[in-house]
Amino acid sequence: MDPLTSIALYGTSDDISTVIVDGNLLKHDKKLTTINKREALINAQGRVEEIIERFFTNHPEQRKNWEKKTNRN
């Protein structure tokens, strides 16, 4: 297998140490430079909560099971 195919099929984000796009350094020493991780995680958690609520709006019978399994009341 050629090296490019190997990278495409088996590579992970950890294999990339530096990313430059249009002259902007987006990743350096395997760390993202343009994203606030804490803010991104908080936003993602908010979206997850919205998705869960929407699910229970559409499937109210499932709420009790979920609350029991996650110790929520």
PDB file of N, CA and C in Angstrom:
ATOM      1  N   MET A   1       0.854  -1.172   0.000  1.00  0.00           N
ATOM      2  CA  MET A   1       0.000   0.000   0.000  1.00  0.00           C
ATOM      3  C   MET A   1       0.904   1.240   0.000  1.00  0.00           C
ATOM      4  N   ASP A   2       0.520   2.234  -0.759  1.00  0.00           N
ATOM      5  CA  ASP A   2       1.346   3.440  -0.829  1.00  0.00           C
ATOM      6  C   ASP A   2       1.127   4.299   0.421  1.00  0.00           C
ATOM      7  N   PRO A   3       2.087   5.161   0.769  1.00  0.00           N
ATOM      8  CA  PRO A   3       2.027   5.952   2.004  1.00  0.00           C
ATOM      9  C   PRO A   3       0.799   6.862   2.099  1.00  0.00           C
ATOM     10  N   LEU A   4       0.383   7.484   1.011  1.00  0.00           N
ATOM     11  CA  LEU A   4      -0.771   8.381   1.067  1.00  0.00           C
ATOM     12  C   LEU A   4      -2.053   7.619   1.401  1.00  0.00           C
ATOM     13  N   THR A   5      -2.206   6.440   0.823  1.00  0.00           N
ATOM     14  CA  THR A   5      -3.373   5.625   1.127  1.00  0.00           C
ATOM     15  C   THR A   5      -3.344   5.197   2.590  1.00  0.00           C
ATOM     16  N   SER A   6      -2.178   4.826   3.085  1.00  0.00           N
ATOM     17  CA  SER A   6      -2.041   4.437   4.492  1.00  0.00           C
ATOM     18  C   SER A   6      -2.443   5.572   5.418  1.00  0.00           C
ATOM     19  N   ILE A   7      -2.010   6.784   5.112  1.00  0.00           N
ATOM     20  CA  ILE A   7      -2.371   7.941   5.941  1.00  0.00           C
ATOM     21  C   ILE A   7      -3.877   8.169   5.900  1.00  0.00           C
ATOM     22  N   ALA A   8      -4.451   8.110   4.708  1.00  0.00           N
ATOM     23  CA  ALA A   8      -5.890   8.363   4.563  1.00  0.00           C
ATOM     24  C   ALA A   8      -6.728   7.313   5.288  1.00  0.00           C
ATOM     25  N   LEU A   9      -6.295   6.061   5.242  1.00  0.00           N
ATOM     26  CA  LEU A   9      -7.080   4.984   5.829  1.00  0.00           C
ATOM     27  C   LEU A   9      -6.815   4.763   7.314  1.00  0.00           C
ATOM     28  N   TYR A  10      -5.589   4.996   7.750  1.00  0.00           N
ATOM     29  CA  TYR A  10      -5.221   4.608   9.109  1.00  0.00           C
ATOM     30  C   TYR A  10      -4.731   5.760   9.978  1.00  0.00           C
ATOM     31  N   GLY A  11      -4.574   6.927   9.401  1.00  0.00           N
ATOM     32  CA  GLY A  11      -4.096   8.063  10.167  1.00  0.00           C
ATOM     33  C   GLY A  11      -5.166   8.609  11.104  1.00  0.00           C
ATOM     34  N   THR A  12      -4.727   9.248  12.179  1.00  0.00           N
ATOM     35  CA  THR A  12      -5.640   9.899  13.120  1.00  0.00           C
ATOM     36  C   THR A  12      -5.201  11.350  13.290  1.00  0.00           C
ATOM     37  N   SER A  13      -6.022  12.147  13.938  1.00  0.00           N
ATOM     38  CA  SER A  13      -5.675  13.549  14.148  1.00  0.00           C
ATOM     39  C   SER A  13      -4.405  13.691  14.972  1.00  0.00           C
ATOM     40  N   ASP A  14      -4.090  12.697  15.780  1.00  0.00           N
ATOM     41  CA  ASP A  14      -2.871  12.751  16.595  1.00  0.00           C
ATOM     42  C   ASP A  14      -1.608  12.607  15.740  1.00  0.00           C
ATOM     43  N   ASP A  15      -1.747  12.109  14.533  1.00  0.00           N
ATOM     44  CA  ASP A  15      -0.606  11.963  13.630  1.00  0.00           C
ATOM     45  C   ASP A  15      -0.200  13.294  12.996  1.00  0.00           C
ATOM     46  N   ILE A  16      -1.030  14.307  13.151  1.00  0.00           N
ATOM     47  CA  ILE A  16      -0.782  15.607  12.526  1.00  0.00           C
ATOM     48  C   ILE A  16      -0.323  16.585  13.594  1.00  0.00           C
ATOM     49  N   SER A  17       0.879  17.136  13.424  1.00  0.00           N
ATOM     50  CA  SER A  17       1.398  18.052  14.446  1.00  0.00           C
ATOM     51  C   SER A  17       1.162  19.510  14.099  1.00  0.00           C
ATOM     52  N   THR A  18       1.128  19.855  12.802  1.00  0.00           N
ATOM     53  CA  THR A  18       0.972  21.254  12.389  1.00  0.00           C
ATOM     54  C   THR A  18       0.008  21.345  11.208  1.00  0.00           C
ATOM     55  N   VAL A  19      -0.906  22.337  11.286  1.00  0.00           N
ATOM     56  CA  VAL A  19      -1.828  22.592  10.186  1.00  0.00           C
ATOM     57  C   VAL A  19      -1.816  24.092   9.917  1.00  0.00           C
ATOM     58  N   ILE A  20      -1.562  24.456   8.663  1.00  0.00           N
ATOM     59  CA  ILE A  20      -1.585  25.855   8.235  1.00  0.00           C
ATOM     60  C   ILE A  20      -2.552  25.950   7.054  1.00  0.00           C
ATOM     61  N   VAL A  21      -3.530  26.853   7.162  1.00  0.00           N
ATOM     62  CA  VAL A  21      -4.504  27.056   6.095  1.00  0.00           C
ATOM     63  C   VAL A  21      -4.543  28.541   5.763  1.00  0.00           C
ATOM     64  N   ASP A  22      -4.333  28.872   4.505  1.00  0.00           N
ATOM     65  CA  ASP A  22      -4.321  30.268   4.061  1.00  0.00           C
ATOM     66  C   ASP A  22      -3.403  31.126   4.924  1.00  0.00           C
ATOM     67  N   GLY A  23      -2.281  30.561   5.325  1.00  0.00           N
ATOM     68  CA  GLY A  23      -1.318  31.300   6.135  1.00  0.00           C
ATOM     69  C   GLY A  23      -1.647  31.364   7.614  1.00  0.00           C
ATOM     70  N   ASN A  24      -2.756  30.780   8.031  1.00  0.00           N
ATOM     71  CA  ASN A  24      -3.149  30.781   9.443  1.00  0.00           C
ATOM     72  C   ASN A  24      -2.761  29.467  10.103  1.00  0.00           C
ATOM     73  N   LEU A  25      -2.080  29.560  11.226  1.00  0.00           N
ATOM     74  CA  LEU A  25      -1.667  28.381  11.986  1.00  0.00           C
ATOM     75  C   LEU A  25      -2.856  27.889  12.799  1.00  0.00           C
ATOM     76  N   LEU A  26      -3.419  26.738  12.423  1.00  0.00           N
ATOM     77  CA  LEU A  26      -4.599  26.198  13.089  1.00  0.00           C
ATOM     78  C   LEU A  26      -4.258  25.145  14.133  1.00  0.00           C
ATOM     79  N   LYS A  27      -3.118  24.472  13.938  1.00  0.00           N
ATOM     80  CA  LYS A  27      -2.676  23.449  14.876  1.00  0.00           C
ATOM     81  C   LYS A  27      -1.161  23.506  14.954  1.00  0.00           C
ATOM     82  N   HIS A  28      -0.629  23.512  16.178  1.00  0.00           N
ATOM     83  CA  HIS A  28       0.823  23.579  16.377  1.00  0.00           C
ATOM     84  C   HIS A  28       1.196  22.671  17.530  1.00  0.00           C
ATOM     85  N   ASP A  29       2.214  21.851  17.328  1.00  0.00           N
ATOM     86  CA  ASP A  29       2.626  20.858  18.340  1.00  0.00           C
ATOM     87  C   ASP A  29       1.448  20.006  18.793  1.00  0.00           C
ATOM     88  N   LYS A  30       0.610  19.612  17.836  1.00  0.00           N
ATOM     89  CA  LYS A  30      -0.552  18.754  18.061  1.00  0.00           C
ATOM     90  C   LYS A  30      -1.645  19.408  18.902  1.00  0.00           C
ATOM     91  N   LYS A  31      -1.594  20.727  19.066  1.00  0.00           N
ATOM     92  CA  LYS A  31      -2.616  21.447  19.832  1.00  0.00           C
ATOM     93  C   LYS A  31      -3.313  22.442  18.923  1.00  0.00           C
ATOM     94  N   LEU A  32      -4.657  22.469  19.005  1.00  0.00           N
ATOM     95  CA  LEU A  32      -5.423  23.428  18.221  1.00  0.00           C
ATOM     96  C   LEU A  32      -5.154  24.827  18.746  1.00  0.00           C
ATOM     97  N   THR A  33      -4.984  25.777  17.830  1.00  0.00           N
ATOM     98  CA  THR A  33      -4.641  27.139  18.239  1.00  0.00           C
ATOM     99  C   THR A  33      -5.785  28.127  18.061  1.00  0.00           C
ATOM    100  N   THR A  34      -6.854  27.724  17.399  1.00  0.00           N
ATOM    101  CA  THR A  34      -7.915  28.673  17.074  1.00  0.00           C
ATOM    102  C   THR A  34      -9.235  28.342  17.746  1.00  0.00           C
ATOM    103  N   ILE A  35      -9.231  27.456  18.720  1.00  0.00           N
ATOM    104  CA  ILE A  35     -10.466  27.060  19.367  1.00  0.00           C
ATOM    105  C   ILE A  35     -10.293  27.114  20.878  1.00  0.00           C
ATOM    106  N   ASN A  36     -11.302  27.626  21.540  1.00  0.00           N
ATOM    107  CA  ASN A  36     -11.327  27.621  22.994  1.00  0.00           C
ATOM    108  C   ASN A  36     -12.016  26.314  23.400  1.00  0.00           C
ATOM    109  N   LYS A  37     -11.236  25.349  23.861  1.00  0.00           N
ATOM    110  CA  LYS A  37     -11.771  24.012  24.139  1.00  0.00           C
ATOM    111  C   LYS A  37     -12.864  24.057  25.204  1.00  0.00           C
ATOM    112  N   ARG A  38     -12.648  24.839  26.242  1.00  0.00           N
ATOM    113  CA  ARG A  38     -13.647  24.921  27.318  1.00  0.00           C
ATOM    114  C   ARG A  38     -14.981  25.431  26.769  1.00  0.00           C
ATOM    115  N   GLU A  39     -14.927  26.491  25.992  1.00  0.00           N
ATOM    116  CA  GLU A  39     -16.140  27.057  25.401  1.00  0.00           C
ATOM    117  C   GLU A  39     -16.800  26.063  24.453  1.00  0.00           C
ATOM    118  N   ALA A  40     -16.000  25.371  23.661  1.00  0.00           N
ATOM    119  CA  ALA A  40     -16.539  24.386  22.726  1.00  0.00           C
ATOM    120  C   ALA A  40     -17.235  23.248  23.471  1.00  0.00           C
ATOM    121  N   LEU A  41     -16.647  22.784  24.564  1.00  0.00           N
ATOM    122  CA  LEU A  41     -17.260  21.708  25.345  1.00  0.00           C
ATOM    123  C   LEU A  41     -18.558  22.162  26.005  1.00  0.00           C
ATOM    124  N   ILE A  42     -18.580  23.389  26.504  1.00  0.00           N
ATOM    125  CA  ILE A  42     -19.798  23.931  27.110  1.00  0.00           C
ATOM    126  C   ILE A  42     -20.899  24.035  26.059  1.00  0.00           C
ATOM    127  N   ASN A  43     -20.557  24.533  24.874  1.00  0.00           N
ATOM    128  CA  ASN A  43     -21.538  24.624  23.782  1.00  0.00           C
ATOM    129  C   ASN A  43     -22.033  23.243  23.368  1.00  0.00           C
ATOM    130  N   ALA A  44     -21.123  22.286  23.287  1.00  0.00           N
ATOM    131  CA  ALA A  44     -21.499  20.928  22.902  1.00  0.00           C
ATOM    132  C   ALA A  44     -22.438  20.319  23.940  1.00  0.00           C
ATOM    133  N   GLN A  45     -22.157  20.539  25.223  1.00  0.00           N
ATOM    134  CA  GLN A  45     -23.025  20.004  26.273  1.00  0.00           C
ATOM    135  C   GLN A  45     -24.423  20.601  26.168  1.00  0.00           C
ATOM    136  N   GLY A  46     -24.493  21.903  25.875  1.00  0.00           N
ATOM    137  CA  GLY A  46     -25.791  22.539  25.690  1.00  0.00           C
ATOM    138  C   GLY A  46     -26.573  21.913  24.548  1.00  0.00           C
ATOM    139  N   ARG A  47     -25.894  21.633  23.459  1.00  0.00           N
ATOM    140  CA  ARG A  47     -26.551  20.997  22.304  1.00  0.00           C
ATOM    141  C   ARG A  47     -27.031  19.591  22.650  1.00  0.00           C
ATOM    142  N   VAL A  48     -26.221  18.850  23.413  1.00  0.00           N
ATOM    143  CA  VAL A  48     -26.620  17.505  23.820  1.00  0.00           C
ATOM    144  C   VAL A  48     -27.901  17.577  24.651  1.00  0.00           C
ATOM    145  N   GLU A  49     -27.957  18.526  25.574  1.00  0.00           N
ATOM    146  CA  GLU A  49     -29.147  18.676  26.406  1.00  0.00           C
ATOM    147  C   GLU A  49     -30.369  19.028  25.559  1.00  0.00           C
ATOM    148  N   GLU A  50     -30.193  19.871  24.543  1.00  0.00           N
ATOM    149  CA  GLU A  50     -31.294  20.203  23.630  1.00  0.00           C
ATOM    150  C   GLU A  50     -31.772  18.966  22.874  1.00  0.00           C
ATOM    151  N   ILE A  51     -30.840  18.155  22.416  1.00  0.00           N
ATOM    152  CA  ILE A  51     -31.185  16.942  21.667  1.00  0.00           C
ATOM    153  C   ILE A  51     -31.938  15.961  22.562  1.00  0.00           C
ATOM    154  N   ILE A  52     -31.470  15.810  23.800  1.00  0.00           N
ATOM    155  CA  ILE A  52     -32.141  14.910  24.744  1.00  0.00           C
ATOM    156  C   ILE A  52     -33.564  15.393  25.006  1.00  0.00           C
ATOM    157  N   GLU A  53     -33.724  16.679  25.241  1.00  0.00           N
ATOM    158  CA  GLU A  53     -35.063  17.233  25.480  1.00  0.00           C
ATOM    159  C   GLU A  53     -35.981  17.019  24.284  1.00  0.00           C
ATOM    160  N   ARG A  54     -35.453  17.239  23.092  1.00  0.00           N
ATOM    161  CA  ARG A  54     -36.254  17.027  21.882  1.00  0.00           C
ATOM    162  C   ARG A  54     -36.673  15.561  21.766  1.00  0.00           C
ATOM    163  N   PHE A  55     -35.754  14.654  22.097  1.00  0.00           N
ATOM    164  CA  PHE A  55     -36.080  13.228  22.062  1.00  0.00           C
ATOM    165  C   PHE A  55     -37.234  12.931  23.012  1.00  0.00           C
ATOM    166  N   PHE A  56     -37.161  13.461  24.238  1.00  0.00           N
ATOM    167  CA  PHE A  56     -38.211  13.188  25.219  1.00  0.00           C
ATOM    168  C   PHE A  56     -39.529  13.876  24.868  1.00  0.00           C
ATOM    169  N   THR A  57     -39.468  14.964  24.147  1.00  0.00           N
ATOM    170  CA  THR A  57     -40.697  15.602  23.660  1.00  0.00           C
ATOM    171  C   THR A  57     -41.389  14.681  22.669  1.00  0.00           C
ATOM    172  N   ASN A  58     -40.596  14.034  21.835  1.00  0.00           N
ATOM    173  CA  ASN A  58     -41.138  13.111  20.830  1.00  0.00           C
ATOM    174  C   ASN A  58     -41.440  11.723  21.392  1.00  0.00           C
ATOM    175  N   HIS A  59     -40.764  11.352  22.498  1.00  0.00           N
ATOM    176  CA  HIS A  59     -40.915  10.014  23.096  1.00  0.00           C
ATOM    177  C   HIS A  59     -41.018  10.147  24.617  1.00  0.00           C
ATOM    178  N   PRO A  60     -42.097  10.749  25.120  1.00  0.00           N
ATOM    179  CA  PRO A  60     -42.199  11.009  26.563  1.00  0.00           C
ATOM    180  C   PRO A  60     -42.155   9.748  27.416  1.00  0.00           C
ATOM    181  N   GLU A  61     -42.551   8.629  26.867  1.00  0.00           N
ATOM    182  CA  GLU A  61     -42.548   7.374  27.636  1.00  0.00           C
ATOM    183  C   GLU A  61     -41.135   6.918  27.995  1.00  0.00           C
ATOM    184  N   GLN A  62     -40.135   7.436  27.314  1.00  0.00           N
ATOM    185  CA  GLN A  62     -38.747   7.033  27.557  1.00  0.00           C
ATOM    186  C   GLN A  62     -38.082   7.829  28.691  1.00  0.00           C
ATOM    187  N   ARG A  63     -38.680   8.949  29.093  1.00  0.00           N
ATOM    188  CA  ARG A  63     -38.060   9.811  30.096  1.00  0.00           C
ATOM    189  C   ARG A  63     -37.831   9.085  31.419  1.00  0.00           C
ATOM    190  N   LYS A  64     -38.828   8.339  31.921  1.00  0.00           N
ATOM    191  CA  LYS A  64     -38.694   7.649  33.211  1.00  0.00           C
ATOM    192  C   LYS A  64     -37.526   6.669  33.191  1.00  0.00           C
ATOM    193  N   ASN A  65     -37.417   5.900  32.118  1.00  0.00           N
ATOM    194  CA  ASN A  65     -36.311   4.936  32.013  1.00  0.00           C
ATOM    195  C   ASN A  65     -34.968   5.647  32.054  1.00  0.00           C
ATOM    196  N   TRP A  66     -34.847   6.740  31.319  1.00  0.00           N
ATOM    197  CA  TRP A  66     -33.590   7.483  31.266  1.00  0.00           C
ATOM    198  C   TRP A  66     -33.256   8.086  32.630  1.00  0.00           C
ATOM    199  N   GLU A  67     -34.252   8.676  33.291  1.00  0.00           N
ATOM    200  CA  GLU A  67     -34.019   9.273  34.611  1.00  0.00           C
ATOM    201  C   GLU A  67     -33.593   8.217  35.618  1.00  0.00           C
ATOM    202  N   LYS A  68     -34.198   7.041  35.536  1.00  0.00           N
ATOM    203  CA  LYS A  68     -33.831   5.947  36.447  1.00  0.00           C
ATOM    204  C   LYS A  68     -32.388   5.508  36.207  1.00  0.00           C
ATOM    205  N   LYS A  69     -32.007   5.352  34.949  1.00  0.00           N
ATOM    206  CA  LYS A  69     -30.652   4.877  34.629  1.00  0.00           C
ATOM    207  C   LYS A  69     -29.566   5.917  34.907  1.00  0.00           C
ATOM    208  N   THR A  70     -29.937   7.188  34.872  1.00  0.00           N
ATOM    209  CA  THR A  70     -28.934   8.238  35.103  1.00  0.00           C
ATOM    210  C   THR A  70     -29.083   8.884  36.475  1.00  0.00           C
ATOM    211  N   ASN A  71     -29.904   8.299  37.328  1.00  0.00           N
ATOM    212  CA  ASN A  71     -30.148   8.809  38.683  1.00  0.00           C
ATOM    213  C   ASN A  71     -30.635  10.254  38.686  1.00  0.00           C
ATOM    214  N   ARG A  72     -31.492  10.576  37.746  1.00  0.00           N
ATOM    215  CA  ARG A  72     -32.085  11.918  37.682  1.00  0.00           C
ATOM    216  C   ARG A  72     -33.553  11.809  38.067  1.00  0.00           C
ATOM    217  N   ASN A  73     -34.031  12.779  38.787  1.00  0.00           N
ATOM    218  CA  ASN A  73     -35.454  12.798  39.191  1.00  0.00           C
ATOM    219  C   ASN A  73     -36.077  14.112  38.867  1.00  0.00           C
TER     220      ASN A  73
END
